[in-house]
Amino acid sequence: MTDIPSTAPAHMSRRAWVLFASMAVIWGIPYLFIKIAVVEVSPVALAGMRTLLAALVLLPLAARAGALRPALRSWPYVAAFGVLEMAIPWVLIGHAEIRVSSGFAGLVIAAVPMFGTLLAWLLGDRHALARVRVLGLATGFVGVGALVGLDSLGGHADALSVLELLAVAALYAVAPAIADRKLRHVPSIGVIAVSLTIVAVLYLPFTIGEMSQGLPSPSVVGSILVLALVCTALAFVLFFELIATAGPVRATVITFLNPAVAVLLGLVVLSEPLTWGTLVGFPLVLLGSYWATRPTTSAARPAATADPTDVTTP
């Protein structure tokens, strides 16, 4: 995609740090608000409402930037990106969070970098499974196993939810690969705005059906507004700015902070239990993700090819 600066500033400015901290929180809080919303709204309708409201905000911005026409010319790949990054994952997360805690969901999805490393290897990157990355994959998957196993023993997880969340992690690895290979020439805001619109139209019957039953409680309405306007529309605008200010490589580090925010909010706001699975699996998953994405001496990816969609959007 375009809009990505080829070089990063040598040092993070105060503005960059503010943007970095904001994004770490903004993409760490969706799990909390999804958990609140699915009590009254179906996961499909929730995804429809979120994408519809976000599209209404981002479409004018994309049009002003002249980014809609290039995105529409590549609509098959934009649609594929939207389905794999938004349509399917957001429904699966909502469905899983009916039965598991928001913190658990955030931790399982933190395995995205590990799936991304495996995908890179499958796509022919011979450096993807360098020694440190293999160590990261092993560590991370042990962490996921500890998280799932210990929480299952304690009655805090079930097999279907785990499969749904792991599927989300895999899809979050595949969608950026499509964008990187097929949409690199298209302005990022155009891809996001058009993909949101496609998903919103896809789920419009469910959105209308849910709204015809009347408004949900104020807390659920507020959660939907936060998910759409803050965690989606505002998040992408701020993330583009963070990339321009701090560089794409530094910007993607927020991936490792989002799960911590999700766990903390679950504990504090929803009084979710601090389980042995979280205590053992959390550090292993994050450490594994860090090692699995470490650049190698001969295979460091140029900053110019980094893409904002490399960071997942829960």
C-alpha atoms as a PDB file:
ATOM      1  CA  MET A   1       0.000   0.000   0.000  1.00  0.00           C
ATOM      2  CA  THR A   2       1.031   3.616  -0.362  1.00  0.00           C
ATOM      3  CA  ASP A   3       1.155   6.314   2.322  1.00  0.00           C
ATOM      4  CA  ILE A   4       4.115   4.534   3.976  1.00  0.00           C
ATOM      5  CA  PRO A   5       7.288   6.577   4.465  1.00  0.00           C
ATOM      6  CA  SER A   6      10.458   4.787   3.392  1.00  0.00           C
ATOM      7  CA  THR A   7      12.477   5.971   6.363  1.00  0.00           C
ATOM      8  CA  ALA A   8      11.785   6.392  10.066  1.00  0.00           C
ATOM      9  CA  PRO A   9      12.990   9.265  12.251  1.00  0.00           C
ATOM     10  CA  ALA A  10      16.005   8.434  14.392  1.00  0.00           C
ATOM     11  CA  HIS A  11      14.222   9.223  17.648  1.00  0.00           C
ATOM     12  CA  MET A  12      10.599   9.140  18.761  1.00  0.00           C
ATOM     13  CA  SER A  13       9.184  12.636  19.235  1.00  0.00           C
ATOM     14  CA  ARG A  14       6.740  13.529  22.004  1.00  0.00           C
ATOM     15  CA  ARG A  15       3.940  13.491  19.413  1.00  0.00           C
ATOM     16  CA  ALA A  16       4.979  10.018  18.303  1.00  0.00           C
ATOM     17  CA  TRP A  17       4.950   8.738  21.889  1.00  0.00           C
ATOM     18  CA  VAL A  18       1.453  10.174  22.445  1.00  0.00           C
ATOM     19  CA  LEU A  19       0.210   8.517  19.259  1.00  0.00           C
ATOM     20  CA  PHE A  20       1.940   5.265  20.215  1.00  0.00           C
ATOM     21  CA  ALA A  21       0.353   5.204  23.678  1.00  0.00           C
ATOM     22  CA  SER A  22      -3.045   6.107  22.227  1.00  0.00           C
ATOM     23  CA  MET A  23      -2.938   3.261  19.709  1.00  0.00           C
ATOM     24  CA  ALA A  24      -1.778   0.745  22.313  1.00  0.00           C
ATOM     25  CA  VAL A  25      -4.945   1.557  24.270  1.00  0.00           C
ATOM     26  CA  ILE A  26      -7.338   2.011  21.351  1.00  0.00           C
ATOM     27  CA  TRP A  27      -6.566  -1.411  19.878  1.00  0.00           C
ATOM     28  CA  GLY A  28      -6.479  -3.002  23.314  1.00  0.00           C
ATOM     29  CA  ILE A  29      -9.984  -1.966  24.382  1.00  0.00           C
ATOM     30  CA  PRO A  30     -12.189  -3.580  21.686  1.00  0.00           C
ATOM     31  CA  TYR A  31     -12.301  -6.908  23.536  1.00  0.00           C
ATOM     32  CA  LEU A  32     -13.883  -5.187  26.541  1.00  0.00           C
ATOM     33  CA  PHE A  33     -16.577  -3.461  24.493  1.00  0.00           C
ATOM     34  CA  ILE A  34     -17.272  -6.543  22.368  1.00  0.00           C
ATOM     35  CA  LYS A  35     -17.827  -8.475  25.600  1.00  0.00           C
ATOM     36  CA  ILE A  36     -20.334  -5.848  26.767  1.00  0.00           C
ATOM     37  CA  ALA A  37     -22.140  -5.588  23.424  1.00  0.00           C
ATOM     38  CA  VAL A  38     -22.688  -9.300  22.678  1.00  0.00           C
ATOM     39  CA  VAL A  39     -24.802  -9.619  25.807  1.00  0.00           C
ATOM     40  CA  GLU A  40     -27.648  -7.977  23.855  1.00  0.00           C
ATOM     41  CA  VAL A  41     -26.549  -7.790  20.200  1.00  0.00           C
ATOM     42  CA  SER A  42     -25.700 -10.730  17.953  1.00  0.00           C
ATOM     43  CA  PRO A  43     -22.062 -10.908  16.806  1.00  0.00           C
ATOM     44  CA  VAL A  44     -23.100 -10.547  13.151  1.00  0.00           C
ATOM     45  CA  ALA A  45     -25.212  -7.457  13.812  1.00  0.00           C
ATOM     46  CA  LEU A  46     -22.457  -5.994  15.970  1.00  0.00           C
ATOM     47  CA  ALA A  47     -19.956  -6.383  13.122  1.00  0.00           C
ATOM     48  CA  GLY A  48     -22.481  -4.792  10.758  1.00  0.00           C
ATOM     49  CA  MET A  49     -23.120  -1.786  12.995  1.00  0.00           C
ATOM     50  CA  ARG A  50     -19.421  -1.272  13.647  1.00  0.00           C
ATOM     51  CA  THR A  51     -18.433  -1.339   9.981  1.00  0.00           C
ATOM     52  CA  LEU A  52     -21.383   0.799   8.878  1.00  0.00           C
ATOM     53  CA  LEU A  53     -20.650   3.628  11.307  1.00  0.00           C
ATOM     54  CA  ALA A  54     -16.908   3.504  10.655  1.00  0.00           C
ATOM     55  CA  ALA A  55     -17.445   3.529   6.884  1.00  0.00           C
ATOM     56  CA  LEU A  56     -19.643   6.619   7.146  1.00  0.00           C
ATOM     57  CA  VAL A  57     -16.756   8.412   8.847  1.00  0.00           C
ATOM     58  CA  LEU A  58     -13.882   7.197   6.669  1.00  0.00           C
ATOM     59  CA  LEU A  59     -15.513   7.341   3.231  1.00  0.00           C
ATOM     60  CA  PRO A  60     -15.517  11.189   3.086  1.00  0.00           C
ATOM     61  CA  LEU A  61     -11.888  11.259   4.249  1.00  0.00           C
ATOM     62  CA  ALA A  62     -10.892   8.732   1.589  1.00  0.00           C
ATOM     63  CA  ALA A  63     -12.820  10.652  -1.069  1.00  0.00           C
ATOM     64  CA  ARG A  64     -11.104  13.908  -0.100  1.00  0.00           C
ATOM     65  CA  ALA A  65      -7.732  12.161  -0.377  1.00  0.00           C
ATOM     66  CA  GLY A  66      -8.607  10.804  -3.836  1.00  0.00           C
ATOM     67  CA  ALA A  67      -8.195   7.262  -2.544  1.00  0.00           C
ATOM     68  CA  LEU A  68     -11.578   5.756  -3.456  1.00  0.00           C
ATOM     69  CA  ARG A  69     -11.068   5.304  -7.184  1.00  0.00           C
ATOM     70  CA  PRO A  70      -7.787   3.347  -6.862  1.00  0.00           C
ATOM     71  CA  ALA A  71      -9.384   1.129  -4.215  1.00  0.00           C
ATOM     72  CA  LEU A  72     -12.460   0.489  -6.339  1.00  0.00           C
ATOM     73  CA  ARG A  73     -10.287  -0.487  -9.310  1.00  0.00           C
ATOM     74  CA  SER A  74      -8.849  -3.262  -7.132  1.00  0.00           C
ATOM     75  CA  TRP A  75     -12.153  -4.154  -5.519  1.00  0.00           C
ATOM     76  CA  PRO A  76     -11.774  -7.986  -5.624  1.00  0.00           C
ATOM     77  CA  TYR A  77      -8.648  -7.819  -3.450  1.00  0.00           C
ATOM     78  CA  VAL A  78     -10.114  -5.060  -1.297  1.00  0.00           C
ATOM     79  CA  ALA A  79     -13.182  -7.232  -0.733  1.00  0.00           C
ATOM     80  CA  ALA A  80     -10.999 -10.231   0.132  1.00  0.00           C
ATOM     81  CA  PHE A  81      -9.060  -8.103   2.590  1.00  0.00           C
ATOM     82  CA  GLY A  82     -12.308  -6.859   4.196  1.00  0.00           C
ATOM     83  CA  VAL A  83     -13.748 -10.360   4.546  1.00  0.00           C
ATOM     84  CA  LEU A  84     -10.571 -11.801   6.075  1.00  0.00           C
ATOM     85  CA  GLU A  85      -9.663  -8.797   8.255  1.00  0.00           C
ATOM     86  CA  MET A  86     -13.143  -7.692   9.397  1.00  0.00           C
ATOM     87  CA  ALA A  87     -16.182  -9.677   8.287  1.00  0.00           C
ATOM     88  CA  ILE A  88     -15.191 -13.120   9.551  1.00  0.00           C
ATOM     89  CA  PRO A  89     -12.874 -12.232  12.465  1.00  0.00           C
ATOM     90  CA  TRP A  90     -15.183  -9.724  14.126  1.00  0.00           C
ATOM     91  CA  VAL A  91     -18.068 -12.195  14.109  1.00  0.00           C
ATOM     92  CA  LEU A  92     -15.868 -14.996  15.453  1.00  0.00           C
ATOM     93  CA  ILE A  93     -14.482 -12.783  18.241  1.00  0.00           C
ATOM     94  CA  GLY A  94     -17.986 -11.744  19.258  1.00  0.00           C
ATOM     95  CA  HIS A  95     -19.237 -15.318  19.228  1.00  0.00           C
ATOM     96  CA  ALA A  96     -16.261 -16.516  21.276  1.00  0.00           C
ATOM     97  CA  GLU A  97     -16.635 -13.737  23.829  1.00  0.00           C
ATOM     98  CA  ILE A  98     -20.129 -14.917  24.651  1.00  0.00           C
ATOM     99  CA  ARG A  99     -18.400 -17.796  26.447  1.00  0.00           C
ATOM    100  CA  VAL A 100     -14.871 -16.643  27.323  1.00  0.00           C
ATOM    101  CA  SER A 101     -13.408 -13.569  28.995  1.00  0.00           C
ATOM    102  CA  SER A 102     -12.275 -10.536  27.021  1.00  0.00           C
ATOM    103  CA  GLY A 103      -8.739 -10.947  28.370  1.00  0.00           C
ATOM    104  CA  PHE A 104      -8.595 -14.572  27.220  1.00  0.00           C
ATOM    105  CA  ALA A 105      -9.682 -13.526  23.725  1.00  0.00           C
ATOM    106  CA  GLY A 106      -7.038 -10.824  23.559  1.00  0.00           C
ATOM    107  CA  LEU A 107      -4.292 -13.226  24.625  1.00  0.00           C
ATOM    108  CA  VAL A 108      -5.142 -15.972  22.136  1.00  0.00           C
ATOM    109  CA  ILE A 109      -5.297 -13.466  19.276  1.00  0.00           C
ATOM    110  CA  ALA A 110      -1.866 -12.194  20.353  1.00  0.00           C
ATOM    111  CA  ALA A 111      -0.555 -15.269  18.506  1.00  0.00           C
ATOM    112  CA  VAL A 112      -1.025 -13.419  15.191  1.00  0.00           C
ATOM    113  CA  PRO A 113       2.717 -12.708  14.671  1.00  0.00           C
ATOM    114  CA  MET A 114       3.451 -16.414  14.978  1.00  0.00           C
ATOM    115  CA  PHE A 115       0.903 -17.285  12.299  1.00  0.00           C
ATOM    116  CA  GLY A 116       2.379 -14.487  10.190  1.00  0.00           C
ATOM    117  CA  THR A 117       5.839 -16.024  10.455  1.00  0.00           C
ATOM    118  CA  LEU A 118       4.528 -19.443   9.407  1.00  0.00           C
ATOM    119  CA  LEU A 119       2.659 -17.868   6.495  1.00  0.00           C
ATOM    120  CA  ALA A 120       5.789 -16.061   5.325  1.00  0.00           C
ATOM    121  CA  TRP A 121       7.629 -19.391   5.297  1.00  0.00           C
ATOM    122  CA  LEU A 122       4.818 -21.071   3.356  1.00  0.00           C
ATOM    123  CA  LEU A 123       4.935 -18.229   0.823  1.00  0.00           C
ATOM    124  CA  GLY A 124       8.596 -18.874   0.165  1.00  0.00           C
ATOM    125  CA  ASP A 125      10.506 -16.658   2.600  1.00  0.00           C
ATOM    126  CA  ARG A 126      13.484 -18.909   3.328  1.00  0.00           C
ATOM    127  CA  HIS A 127      14.571 -16.661   6.214  1.00  0.00           C
ATOM    128  CA  ALA A 128      11.191 -16.832   7.968  1.00  0.00           C
ATOM    129  CA  LEU A 129      12.200 -19.829  10.066  1.00  0.00           C
ATOM    130  CA  ALA A 130      15.585 -18.624  11.234  1.00  0.00           C
ATOM    131  CA  ARG A 131      16.714 -20.073  14.555  1.00  0.00           C
ATOM    132  CA  VAL A 132      15.414 -17.240  16.730  1.00  0.00           C
ATOM    133  CA  ARG A 133      12.059 -17.337  14.969  1.00  0.00           C
ATOM    134  CA  VAL A 134      11.714 -21.087  15.427  1.00  0.00           C
ATOM    135  CA  LEU A 135      12.421 -20.530  19.109  1.00  0.00           C
ATOM    136  CA  GLY A 136       9.745 -17.836  19.118  1.00  0.00           C
ATOM    137  CA  LEU A 137       7.185 -20.098  17.461  1.00  0.00           C
ATOM    138  CA  ALA A 138       7.885 -22.885  19.924  1.00  0.00           C
ATOM    139  CA  THR A 139       7.711 -20.534  22.920  1.00  0.00           C
ATOM    140  CA  GLY A 140       4.560 -18.827  21.712  1.00  0.00           C
ATOM    141  CA  PHE A 141       2.656 -21.996  20.987  1.00  0.00           C
ATOM    142  CA  VAL A 142       3.667 -23.428  24.353  1.00  0.00           C
ATOM    143  CA  GLY A 143       2.226 -20.243  25.850  1.00  0.00           C
ATOM    144  CA  VAL A 144      -1.024 -20.660  23.939  1.00  0.00           C
ATOM    145  CA  GLY A 145      -1.161 -24.279  25.049  1.00  0.00           C
ATOM    146  CA  ALA A 146      -0.615 -23.299  28.679  1.00  0.00           C
ATOM    147  CA  LEU A 147      -3.234 -20.553  28.439  1.00  0.00           C
ATOM    148  CA  VAL A 148      -5.841 -22.807  26.857  1.00  0.00           C
ATOM    149  CA  GLY A 149      -5.023 -25.912  28.896  1.00  0.00           C
ATOM    150  CA  LEU A 150      -4.943 -24.296  32.322  1.00  0.00           C
ATOM    151  CA  ASP A 151      -8.014 -22.157  31.664  1.00  0.00           C
ATOM    152  CA  SER A 152      -9.924 -25.164  30.295  1.00  0.00           C
ATOM    153  CA  LEU A 153      -9.172 -27.093  33.482  1.00  0.00           C
ATOM    154  CA  GLY A 154     -10.498 -24.152  35.473  1.00  0.00           C
ATOM    155  CA  GLY A 155     -13.655 -23.901  33.375  1.00  0.00           C
ATOM    156  CA  HIS A 156     -12.651 -20.571  31.803  1.00  0.00           C
ATOM    157  CA  ALA A 157     -12.379 -21.774  28.189  1.00  0.00           C
ATOM    158  CA  ASP A 158     -14.068 -24.175  25.805  1.00  0.00           C
ATOM    159  CA  ALA A 159     -12.886 -25.863  22.630  1.00  0.00           C
ATOM    160  CA  LEU A 160     -15.147 -23.978  20.194  1.00  0.00           C
ATOM    161  CA  SER A 161     -14.088 -20.574  21.504  1.00  0.00           C
ATOM    162  CA  VAL A 162     -10.418 -21.519  21.274  1.00  0.00           C
ATOM    163  CA  LEU A 163     -10.822 -22.704  17.679  1.00  0.00           C
ATOM    164  CA  GLU A 164     -12.676 -19.507  16.757  1.00  0.00           C
ATOM    165  CA  LEU A 165      -9.992 -17.277  18.265  1.00  0.00           C
ATOM    166  CA  LEU A 166      -7.149 -19.238  16.678  1.00  0.00           C
ATOM    167  CA  ALA A 167      -8.952 -18.932  13.345  1.00  0.00           C
ATOM    168  CA  VAL A 168      -9.083 -15.171  13.881  1.00  0.00           C
ATOM    169  CA  ALA A 169      -5.348 -15.090  14.562  1.00  0.00           C
ATOM    170  CA  ALA A 170      -4.709 -17.016  11.338  1.00  0.00           C
ATOM    171  CA  LEU A 171      -6.985 -14.731   9.308  1.00  0.00           C
ATOM    172  CA  TYR A 172      -5.289 -11.659  10.772  1.00  0.00           C
ATOM    173  CA  ALA A 173      -2.038 -13.038   9.359  1.00  0.00           C
ATOM    174  CA  VAL A 174      -3.462 -13.801   5.903  1.00  0.00           C
ATOM    175  CA  ALA A 175      -5.278 -10.490   5.296  1.00  0.00           C
ATOM    176  CA  PRO A 176      -2.162  -8.276   5.493  1.00  0.00           C
ATOM    177  CA  ALA A 177      -0.366 -10.668   3.133  1.00  0.00           C
ATOM    178  CA  ILE A 178      -3.084 -10.040   0.535  1.00  0.00           C
ATOM    179  CA  ALA A 179      -2.794  -6.291   1.060  1.00  0.00           C
ATOM    180  CA  ASP A 180       0.984  -6.398   0.859  1.00  0.00           C
ATOM    181  CA  ARG A 181       1.066  -8.438  -2.360  1.00  0.00           C
ATOM    182  CA  LYS A 182      -1.964  -7.087  -4.218  1.00  0.00           C
ATOM    183  CA  LEU A 183      -2.790  -3.641  -2.786  1.00  0.00           C
ATOM    184  CA  ARG A 184       0.589  -2.039  -2.176  1.00  0.00           C
ATOM    185  CA  HIS A 185      -0.117   0.547  -4.902  1.00  0.00           C
ATOM    186  CA  VAL A 186      -3.486   1.576  -3.376  1.00  0.00           C
ATOM    187  CA  PRO A 187      -3.733   4.317  -0.709  1.00  0.00           C
ATOM    188  CA  SER A 188      -4.312   2.678   2.666  1.00  0.00           C
ATOM    189  CA  ILE A 189      -7.264   4.826   3.695  1.00  0.00           C
ATOM    190  CA  GLY A 190      -9.005   3.900   0.445  1.00  0.00           C
ATOM    191  CA  VAL A 191      -8.548   0.181   1.125  1.00  0.00           C
ATOM    192  CA  ILE A 192      -9.882   0.526   4.672  1.00  0.00           C
ATOM    193  CA  ALA A 193     -12.861   2.735   3.738  1.00  0.00           C
ATOM    194  CA  VAL A 194     -13.975   0.564   0.821  1.00  0.00           C
ATOM    195  CA  SER A 195     -13.447  -2.725   2.671  1.00  0.00           C
ATOM    196  CA  LEU A 196     -15.475  -1.415   5.613  1.00  0.00           C
ATOM    197  CA  THR A 197     -18.254  -0.414   3.210  1.00  0.00           C
ATOM    198  CA  ILE A 198     -18.289  -3.840   1.545  1.00  0.00           C
ATOM    199  CA  VAL A 199     -18.564  -5.607   4.900  1.00  0.00           C
ATOM    200  CA  ALA A 200     -21.241  -3.162   6.085  1.00  0.00           C
ATOM    201  CA  VAL A 201     -23.333  -3.894   2.980  1.00  0.00           C
ATOM    202  CA  LEU A 202     -22.771  -7.633   3.412  1.00  0.00           C
ATOM    203  CA  TYR A 203     -24.124  -7.524   6.956  1.00  0.00           C
ATOM    204  CA  LEU A 204     -26.762  -4.832   6.372  1.00  0.00           C
ATOM    205  CA  PRO A 205     -29.759  -7.227   6.607  1.00  0.00           C
ATOM    206  CA  PHE A 206     -28.567  -8.356  10.063  1.00  0.00           C
ATOM    207  CA  THR A 207     -27.968  -4.759  11.122  1.00  0.00           C
ATOM    208  CA  ILE A 208     -31.431  -3.683  10.024  1.00  0.00           C
ATOM    209  CA  GLY A 209     -33.010  -6.733  11.645  1.00  0.00           C
ATOM    210  CA  GLU A 210     -31.305  -5.987  14.958  1.00  0.00           C
ATOM    211  CA  MET A 211     -32.206  -2.281  14.861  1.00  0.00           C
ATOM    212  CA  SER A 212     -35.849  -3.073  14.054  1.00  0.00           C
ATOM    213  CA  GLN A 213     -36.137  -4.660  17.499  1.00  0.00           C
ATOM    214  CA  GLY A 214     -35.356  -1.348  19.189  1.00  0.00           C
ATOM    215  CA  LEU A 215     -32.270   0.154  20.723  1.00  0.00           C
ATOM    216  CA  PRO A 216     -30.270  -1.933  23.190  1.00  0.00           C
ATOM    217  CA  SER A 217     -29.305  -0.608  26.611  1.00  0.00           C
ATOM    218  CA  PRO A 218     -27.210   2.583  26.870  1.00  0.00           C
ATOM    219  CA  SER A 219     -24.087   0.637  27.816  1.00  0.00           C
ATOM    220  CA  VAL A 220     -24.376  -1.492  24.669  1.00  0.00           C
ATOM    221  CA  VAL A 221     -25.074   1.530  22.459  1.00  0.00           C
ATOM    222  CA  GLY A 222     -22.034   3.216  23.946  1.00  0.00           C
ATOM    223  CA  SER A 223     -19.926   0.105  23.327  1.00  0.00           C
ATOM    224  CA  ILE A 224     -20.982  -0.012  19.671  1.00  0.00           C
ATOM    225  CA  LEU A 225     -20.144   3.671  19.216  1.00  0.00           C
ATOM    226  CA  VAL A 226     -16.707   3.192  20.794  1.00  0.00           C
ATOM    227  CA  LEU A 227     -15.976   0.156  18.632  1.00  0.00           C
ATOM    228  CA  ALA A 228     -17.018   1.951  15.434  1.00  0.00           C
ATOM    229  CA  LEU A 229     -15.834   5.504  15.966  1.00  0.00           C
ATOM    230  CA  VAL A 230     -12.813   5.049  18.235  1.00  0.00           C
ATOM    231  CA  CYS A 231     -11.496   1.502  17.703  1.00  0.00           C
ATOM    232  CA  THR A 232     -12.049   1.550  13.940  1.00  0.00           C
ATOM    233  CA  ALA A 233     -12.434   4.992  12.319  1.00  0.00           C
ATOM    234  CA  LEU A 234     -10.262   7.065  14.668  1.00  0.00           C
ATOM    235  CA  ALA A 235      -7.805   4.197  15.132  1.00  0.00           C
ATOM    236  CA  PHE A 236      -6.915   4.017  11.450  1.00  0.00           C
ATOM    237  CA  VAL A 237      -6.531   7.782  11.133  1.00  0.00           C
ATOM    238  CA  LEU A 238      -4.223   7.884  14.170  1.00  0.00           C
ATOM    239  CA  PHE A 239      -2.299   4.826  13.045  1.00  0.00           C
ATOM    240  CA  PHE A 240      -1.541   6.349   9.643  1.00  0.00           C
ATOM    241  CA  GLU A 241      -0.260   9.414  11.498  1.00  0.00           C
ATOM    242  CA  LEU A 242       1.828   7.244  13.827  1.00  0.00           C
ATOM    243  CA  ILE A 243       3.453   5.532  10.844  1.00  0.00           C
ATOM    244  CA  ALA A 244       4.296   8.898   9.300  1.00  0.00           C
ATOM    245  CA  THR A 245       5.679  10.199  12.602  1.00  0.00           C
ATOM    246  CA  ALA A 246       7.520   7.200  14.049  1.00  0.00           C
ATOM    247  CA  GLY A 247       8.011   4.909  11.067  1.00  0.00           C
ATOM    248  CA  PRO A 248       6.242   1.647  10.215  1.00  0.00           C
ATOM    249  CA  VAL A 249       8.564  -0.673  12.139  1.00  0.00           C
ATOM    250  CA  ARG A 250       8.180   1.129  15.459  1.00  0.00           C
ATOM    251  CA  ALA A 251       4.435   1.511  14.894  1.00  0.00           C
ATOM    252  CA  THR A 252       3.864  -2.244  14.728  1.00  0.00           C
ATOM    253  CA  VAL A 253       5.288  -2.692  18.250  1.00  0.00           C
ATOM    254  CA  ILE A 254       1.850  -1.801  19.631  1.00  0.00           C
ATOM    255  CA  THR A 255       0.868  -5.374  18.705  1.00  0.00           C
ATOM    256  CA  PHE A 256       2.693  -6.537  21.836  1.00  0.00           C
ATOM    257  CA  LEU A 257       0.947  -4.023  24.132  1.00  0.00           C
ATOM    258  CA  ASN A 258      -2.675  -4.538  23.051  1.00  0.00           C
ATOM    259  CA  PRO A 259      -3.118  -7.887  24.885  1.00  0.00           C
ATOM    260  CA  ALA A 260      -1.854  -6.374  28.143  1.00  0.00           C
ATOM    261  CA  VAL A 261      -4.481  -3.639  27.863  1.00  0.00           C
ATOM    262  CA  ALA A 262      -7.181  -6.235  27.123  1.00  0.00           C
ATOM    263  CA  VAL A 263      -6.257  -8.329  30.171  1.00  0.00           C
ATOM    264  CA  LEU A 264      -6.006  -5.311  32.481  1.00  0.00           C
ATOM    265  CA  LEU A 265      -9.375  -3.894  31.431  1.00  0.00           C
ATOM    266  CA  GLY A 266     -11.019  -7.282  31.801  1.00  0.00           C
ATOM    267  CA  LEU A 267      -9.690  -7.546  35.357  1.00  0.00           C
ATOM    268  CA  VAL A 268     -10.536  -3.995  36.405  1.00  0.00           C
ATOM    269  CA  VAL A 269     -13.778  -3.208  34.544  1.00  0.00           C
ATOM    270  CA  LEU A 270     -15.446  -6.612  34.185  1.00  0.00           C
ATOM    271  CA  SER A 271     -13.916  -8.287  37.264  1.00  0.00           C
ATOM    272  CA  GLU A 272     -12.700 -11.169  35.121  1.00  0.00           C
ATOM    273  CA  PRO A 273     -10.600 -13.694  37.056  1.00  0.00           C
ATOM    274  CA  LEU A 274      -6.807 -13.643  36.910  1.00  0.00           C
ATOM    275  CA  THR A 275      -6.261 -17.277  35.973  1.00  0.00           C
ATOM    276  CA  TRP A 276      -3.208 -19.498  36.067  1.00  0.00           C
ATOM    277  CA  GLY A 277      -3.511 -19.755  32.310  1.00  0.00           C
ATOM    278  CA  THR A 278      -3.063 -15.993  32.007  1.00  0.00           C
ATOM    279  CA  LEU A 279      -0.172 -15.866  34.469  1.00  0.00           C
ATOM    280  CA  VAL A 280       1.734 -18.668  32.718  1.00  0.00           C
ATOM    281  CA  GLY A 281       0.651 -18.227  29.113  1.00  0.00           C
ATOM    282  CA  PHE A 282       0.676 -14.415  28.817  1.00  0.00           C
ATOM    283  CA  PRO A 283       4.457 -13.854  29.071  1.00  0.00           C
ATOM    284  CA  LEU A 284       5.196 -16.893  26.898  1.00  0.00           C
ATOM    285  CA  VAL A 285       2.844 -15.757  24.108  1.00  0.00           C
ATOM    286  CA  LEU A 286       4.276 -12.228  24.054  1.00  0.00           C
ATOM    287  CA  LEU A 287       7.879 -13.442  24.243  1.00  0.00           C
ATOM    288  CA  GLY A 288       7.226 -15.977  21.502  1.00  0.00           C
ATOM    289  CA  SER A 289       5.590 -13.334  19.286  1.00  0.00           C
ATOM    290  CA  TYR A 290       8.558 -11.024  19.824  1.00  0.00           C
ATOM    291  CA  TRP A 291      11.123 -13.688  18.912  1.00  0.00           C
ATOM    292  CA  ALA A 292       9.042 -14.952  15.985  1.00  0.00           C
ATOM    293  CA  THR A 293       9.112 -11.499  14.389  1.00  0.00           C
ATOM    294  CA  ARG A 294      12.755 -10.659  15.098  1.00  0.00           C
ATOM    295  CA  PRO A 295      14.547  -9.521  11.928  1.00  0.00           C
ATOM    296  CA  THR A 296      17.464 -11.650  10.844  1.00  0.00           C
ATOM    297  CA  THR A 297      20.739 -10.184   9.598  1.00  0.00           C
ATOM    298  CA  SER A 298      20.103 -11.248   6.015  1.00  0.00           C
ATOM    299  CA  ALA A 299      16.330 -10.999   5.937  1.00  0.00           C
ATOM    300  CA  ALA A 300      15.352  -7.741   7.562  1.00  0.00           C
ATOM    301  CA  ARG A 301      12.354  -6.426   5.707  1.00  0.00           C
ATOM    302  CA  PRO A 302      12.800  -2.884   4.333  1.00  0.00           C
ATOM    303  CA  ALA A 303      10.710  -0.314   6.143  1.00  0.00           C
ATOM    304  CA  ALA A 304       9.294   0.871   2.841  1.00  0.00           C
ATOM    305  CA  THR A 305       7.347  -2.373   2.429  1.00  0.00           C
ATOM    306  CA  ALA A 306       5.724  -2.317   5.865  1.00  0.00           C
ATOM    307  CA  ASP A 307       2.001  -1.853   5.877  1.00  0.00           C
ATOM    308  CA  PRO A 308      -0.470  -0.444   8.417  1.00  0.00           C
ATOM    309  CA  THR A 309      -2.640  -3.509   8.135  1.00  0.00           C
ATOM    310  CA  ASP A 310       0.214  -5.541   9.626  1.00  0.00           C
ATOM    311  CA  VAL A 311      -1.336  -4.599  12.965  1.00  0.00           C
ATOM    312  CA  THR A 312      -4.511  -6.471  13.742  1.00  0.00           C
ATOM    313  CA  THR A 313      -7.790  -4.675  14.306  1.00  0.00           C
ATOM    314  CA  PRO A 314      -9.839  -6.536  16.916  1.00  0.00           C
END
